[in-house]
Amino acid sequence: MTEIIRTELPSESLTALVIIYVLTVFVLFFGGLATYGLIEGWSPAWISLWFGAMFIALAAITDIYRRNFLPDEMVKKTRLPKVTPRRELRE
């Protein structure tokens, strides 16, 4: 059904890997702060701030990983022929 037209190997840069590791530390730190805030009964505004920072860091990790470590492929999808039922003509 699908055919790969073009593919490029990822760059796999060391800089991207280091950035992913640093952002992972940030995610663990923000997740720890949010968990500690839940246990200690902090204001919901602070807890949502830490969870928001954690999810933004997770989104950045996902984007950097997608750009630098996944292959870039162009896929051509073939469509099935359209089948329409025959209708009788009115006279």
N, C-alpha and C. Protein backbone atom coordinates (compact mmCIF):
# COMPACT_ATOMS: atom_id res chain seq x y z
N MET A 1 0.81 -1.20 0.00
CA MET A 1 0.00 0.00 0.00
C MET A 1 0.85 1.26 0.00
N THR A 2 1.96 1.23 0.73
CA THR A 2 2.80 2.43 0.79
C THR A 2 4.17 2.13 0.19
N GLU A 3 4.80 3.17 -0.30
CA GLU A 3 6.10 3.03 -0.91
C GLU A 3 6.99 4.17 -0.41
N ILE A 4 8.18 3.83 0.06
CA ILE A 4 9.11 4.85 0.54
C ILE A 4 9.84 5.42 -0.66
N ILE A 5 9.66 6.72 -0.89
CA ILE A 5 10.28 7.38 -2.04
C ILE A 5 11.70 7.82 -1.71
N ARG A 6 11.87 8.46 -0.56
CA ARG A 6 13.18 9.02 -0.20
C ARG A 6 13.37 8.84 1.29
N THR A 7 14.60 8.54 1.69
CA THR A 7 14.91 8.44 3.11
C THR A 7 16.29 9.03 3.37
N GLU A 8 16.40 9.74 4.48
CA GLU A 8 17.68 10.32 4.89
C GLU A 8 18.00 9.83 6.29
N LEU A 9 19.25 9.45 6.50
CA LEU A 9 19.66 9.00 7.83
C LEU A 9 19.74 10.19 8.78
N PRO A 10 19.45 9.98 10.04
CA PRO A 10 19.51 11.09 11.01
C PRO A 10 20.96 11.52 11.27
N SER A 11 21.10 12.75 11.75
CA SER A 11 22.44 13.29 11.99
C SER A 11 23.07 12.72 13.27
N GLU A 12 22.26 12.40 14.27
CA GLU A 12 22.71 11.83 15.54
C GLU A 12 23.85 12.64 16.16
N SER A 13 23.61 13.92 16.37
CA SER A 13 24.66 14.77 16.91
C SER A 13 24.82 14.58 18.42
N LEU A 14 26.04 14.76 18.88
CA LEU A 14 26.35 14.62 20.30
C LEU A 14 25.72 15.77 21.10
N THR A 15 25.65 16.94 20.49
CA THR A 15 25.06 18.10 21.17
C THR A 15 23.59 17.84 21.51
N ALA A 16 22.86 17.25 20.57
CA ALA A 16 21.45 16.94 20.82
C ALA A 16 21.31 15.94 21.96
N LEU A 17 22.20 14.98 22.01
CA LEU A 17 22.15 13.99 23.07
C LEU A 17 22.40 14.62 24.44
N VAL A 18 23.36 15.54 24.51
CA VAL A 18 23.64 16.23 25.77
C VAL A 18 22.46 17.09 26.19
N ILE A 19 21.84 17.77 25.23
CA ILE A 19 20.66 18.60 25.54
C ILE A 19 19.52 17.73 26.05
N ILE A 20 19.33 16.56 25.46
CA ILE A 20 18.28 15.65 25.92
C ILE A 20 18.56 15.20 27.35
N TYR A 21 19.82 14.89 27.68
CA TYR A 21 20.15 14.50 29.04
C TYR A 21 19.91 15.64 30.04
N VAL A 22 20.28 16.86 29.67
CA VAL A 22 20.06 18.00 30.57
C VAL A 22 18.57 18.24 30.77
N LEU A 23 17.79 18.15 29.69
CA LEU A 23 16.34 18.33 29.83
C LEU A 23 15.71 17.21 30.64
N THR A 24 16.26 16.01 30.57
CA THR A 24 15.77 14.91 31.40
C THR A 24 15.99 15.20 32.88
N VAL A 25 17.13 15.80 33.21
CA VAL A 25 17.39 16.20 34.60
C VAL A 25 16.37 17.25 35.03
N PHE A 26 16.07 18.21 34.13
CA PHE A 26 15.05 19.22 34.44
C PHE A 26 13.68 18.58 34.68
N VAL A 27 13.33 17.60 33.86
CA VAL A 27 12.03 16.93 34.02
C VAL A 27 11.96 16.25 35.38
N LEU A 28 13.03 15.56 35.75
CA LEU A 28 13.04 14.90 37.06
C LEU A 28 12.97 15.92 38.20
N PHE A 29 13.66 17.04 38.05
CA PHE A 29 13.65 18.08 39.07
C PHE A 29 12.24 18.69 39.21
N PHE A 30 11.65 19.06 38.08
CA PHE A 30 10.31 19.67 38.13
C PHE A 30 9.26 18.68 38.61
N GLY A 31 9.40 17.42 38.20
CA GLY A 31 8.47 16.39 38.69
C GLY A 31 8.61 16.17 40.18
N GLY A 32 9.85 16.22 40.67
CA GLY A 32 10.07 16.09 42.11
C GLY A 32 9.50 17.26 42.88
N LEU A 33 9.67 18.47 42.35
CA LEU A 33 9.07 19.64 43.01
C LEU A 33 7.56 19.56 43.05
N ALA A 34 6.96 19.13 41.93
CA ALA A 34 5.50 19.03 41.89
C ALA A 34 5.00 17.96 42.87
N THR A 35 5.69 16.85 42.94
CA THR A 35 5.30 15.79 43.88
C THR A 35 5.46 16.24 45.32
N TYR A 36 6.57 16.89 45.61
CA TYR A 36 6.80 17.40 46.96
C TYR A 36 5.73 18.45 47.33
N GLY A 37 5.37 19.28 46.34
CA GLY A 37 4.33 20.28 46.59
C GLY A 37 2.97 19.65 46.86
N LEU A 38 2.67 18.56 46.18
CA LEU A 38 1.41 17.85 46.44
C LEU A 38 1.40 17.27 47.85
N ILE A 39 2.53 16.70 48.26
CA ILE A 39 2.61 16.09 49.59
C ILE A 39 2.53 17.15 50.69
N GLU A 40 3.21 18.27 50.50
CA GLU A 40 3.27 19.33 51.52
C GLU A 40 2.07 20.27 51.50
N GLY A 41 1.23 20.18 50.48
CA GLY A 41 0.03 21.01 50.43
C GLY A 41 0.29 22.43 49.94
N TRP A 42 1.18 22.58 48.96
CA TRP A 42 1.45 23.90 48.40
C TRP A 42 0.23 24.40 47.63
N SER A 43 0.30 25.66 47.25
CA SER A 43 -0.76 26.27 46.45
C SER A 43 -0.87 25.56 45.10
N PRO A 44 -2.09 25.36 44.61
CA PRO A 44 -2.24 24.71 43.29
C PRO A 44 -1.57 25.49 42.15
N ALA A 45 -1.41 26.79 42.31
CA ALA A 45 -0.74 27.58 41.27
C ALA A 45 0.72 27.16 41.12
N TRP A 46 1.39 26.93 42.25
CA TRP A 46 2.78 26.49 42.19
C TRP A 46 2.91 25.09 41.64
N ILE A 47 2.01 24.22 42.04
CA ILE A 47 2.05 22.84 41.55
C ILE A 47 1.81 22.80 40.04
N SER A 48 0.86 23.58 39.57
CA SER A 48 0.61 23.61 38.13
C SER A 48 1.78 24.23 37.38
N LEU A 49 2.48 25.18 38.00
CA LEU A 49 3.68 25.75 37.38
C LEU A 49 4.75 24.68 37.18
N TRP A 50 4.99 23.86 38.21
CA TRP A 50 6.01 22.81 38.09
C TRP A 50 5.61 21.74 37.10
N PHE A 51 4.33 21.35 37.11
CA PHE A 51 3.87 20.36 36.12
C PHE A 51 3.96 20.93 34.71
N GLY A 52 3.61 22.20 34.53
CA GLY A 52 3.71 22.83 33.22
C GLY A 52 5.14 22.87 32.72
N ALA A 53 6.08 23.22 33.60
CA ALA A 53 7.50 23.24 33.21
C ALA A 53 7.97 21.84 32.85
N MET A 54 7.48 20.84 33.58
CA MET A 54 7.88 19.46 33.29
C MET A 54 7.37 19.03 31.91
N PHE A 55 6.12 19.35 31.59
CA PHE A 55 5.58 18.93 30.30
C PHE A 55 6.19 19.71 29.13
N ILE A 56 6.56 20.96 29.35
CA ILE A 56 7.25 21.71 28.29
C ILE A 56 8.63 21.11 28.04
N ALA A 57 9.32 20.71 29.08
CA ALA A 57 10.63 20.05 28.91
C ALA A 57 10.46 18.71 28.20
N LEU A 58 9.40 17.97 28.53
CA LEU A 58 9.14 16.70 27.83
C LEU A 58 8.84 16.93 26.35
N ALA A 59 8.11 17.99 26.03
CA ALA A 59 7.84 18.31 24.63
C ALA A 59 9.12 18.67 23.90
N ALA A 60 10.01 19.40 24.56
CA ALA A 60 11.29 19.75 23.94
C ALA A 60 12.14 18.51 23.71
N ILE A 61 12.15 17.57 24.66
CA ILE A 61 12.89 16.32 24.49
C ILE A 61 12.35 15.55 23.29
N THR A 62 11.04 15.45 23.19
CA THR A 62 10.42 14.73 22.07
C THR A 62 10.78 15.36 20.74
N ASP A 63 10.74 16.69 20.67
CA ASP A 63 11.04 17.38 19.42
C ASP A 63 12.51 17.21 19.02
N ILE A 64 13.41 17.34 19.97
CA ILE A 64 14.84 17.19 19.67
C ILE A 64 15.14 15.76 19.25
N TYR A 65 14.53 14.80 19.91
CA TYR A 65 14.73 13.40 19.54
C TYR A 65 14.21 13.14 18.13
N ARG A 66 13.03 13.67 17.83
CA ARG A 66 12.44 13.45 16.51
C ARG A 66 13.29 14.05 15.40
N ARG A 67 13.83 15.23 15.63
CA ARG A 67 14.61 15.91 14.60
C ARG A 67 15.99 15.30 14.39
N ASN A 68 16.62 14.78 15.44
CA ASN A 68 18.01 14.35 15.35
C ASN A 68 18.24 12.85 15.34
N PHE A 69 17.26 12.05 15.75
CA PHE A 69 17.52 10.63 15.88
C PHE A 69 16.56 9.73 15.10
N LEU A 70 15.53 10.27 14.49
CA LEU A 70 14.62 9.46 13.67
C LEU A 70 14.89 9.73 12.20
N PRO A 71 14.82 8.72 11.34
CA PRO A 71 15.08 8.94 9.92
C PRO A 71 13.95 9.75 9.28
N ASP A 72 14.34 10.56 8.31
CA ASP A 72 13.38 11.38 7.57
C ASP A 72 12.96 10.59 6.34
N GLU A 73 11.71 10.19 6.28
CA GLU A 73 11.23 9.37 5.18
C GLU A 73 10.06 10.04 4.50
N MET A 74 10.06 9.99 3.18
CA MET A 74 8.92 10.47 2.41
C MET A 74 8.17 9.24 1.90
N VAL A 75 6.91 9.13 2.24
CA VAL A 75 6.13 7.94 1.92
C VAL A 75 5.03 8.31 0.94
N LYS A 76 4.90 7.50 -0.10
CA LYS A 76 3.83 7.69 -1.07
C LYS A 76 2.77 6.64 -0.80
N LYS A 77 1.58 7.09 -0.48
CA LYS A 77 0.49 6.16 -0.23
C LYS A 77 -0.32 5.98 -1.51
N THR A 78 -0.55 4.75 -1.87
CA THR A 78 -1.36 4.48 -3.07
C THR A 78 -2.81 4.34 -2.64
N ARG A 79 -3.66 4.95 -3.41
CA ARG A 79 -5.09 4.89 -3.08
C ARG A 79 -5.74 3.73 -3.82
N LEU A 80 -6.72 3.16 -3.19
CA LEU A 80 -7.49 2.11 -3.84
C LEU A 80 -8.44 2.75 -4.83
N PRO A 81 -8.75 2.05 -5.90
CA PRO A 81 -9.71 2.62 -6.85
C PRO A 81 -11.09 2.77 -6.20
N LYS A 82 -11.74 3.85 -6.57
CA LYS A 82 -13.06 4.12 -5.98
C LYS A 82 -14.09 3.19 -6.61
N VAL A 83 -14.83 2.53 -5.76
CA VAL A 83 -15.84 1.59 -6.23
C VAL A 83 -17.20 2.21 -5.94
N THR A 84 -17.98 2.39 -6.99
CA THR A 84 -19.34 2.92 -6.82
C THR A 84 -20.33 1.89 -7.32
N PRO A 85 -21.41 1.69 -6.61
CA PRO A 85 -22.40 0.69 -7.08
C PRO A 85 -23.13 1.20 -8.32
N ARG A 86 -23.46 0.27 -9.19
CA ARG A 86 -24.19 0.66 -10.41
C ARG A 86 -25.64 0.96 -10.05
N ARG A 87 -26.12 2.04 -10.62
CA ARG A 87 -27.52 2.42 -10.39
C ARG A 87 -28.28 2.25 -11.69
N GLU A 88 -29.51 1.86 -11.54
CA GLU A 88 -30.35 1.70 -12.73
C GLU A 88 -30.82 3.07 -13.19
N LEU A 89 -30.85 3.26 -14.50
CA LEU A 89 -31.30 4.54 -15.06
C LEU A 89 -32.82 4.60 -15.09
N ARG A 90 -33.33 5.78 -14.77
CA ARG A 90 -34.78 5.98 -14.85
C ARG A 90 -35.15 6.40 -16.27
N GLU A 91 -36.28 5.95 -16.74
CA GLU A 91 -36.73 6.36 -18.07
C GLU A 91 -37.98 7.18 -18.00
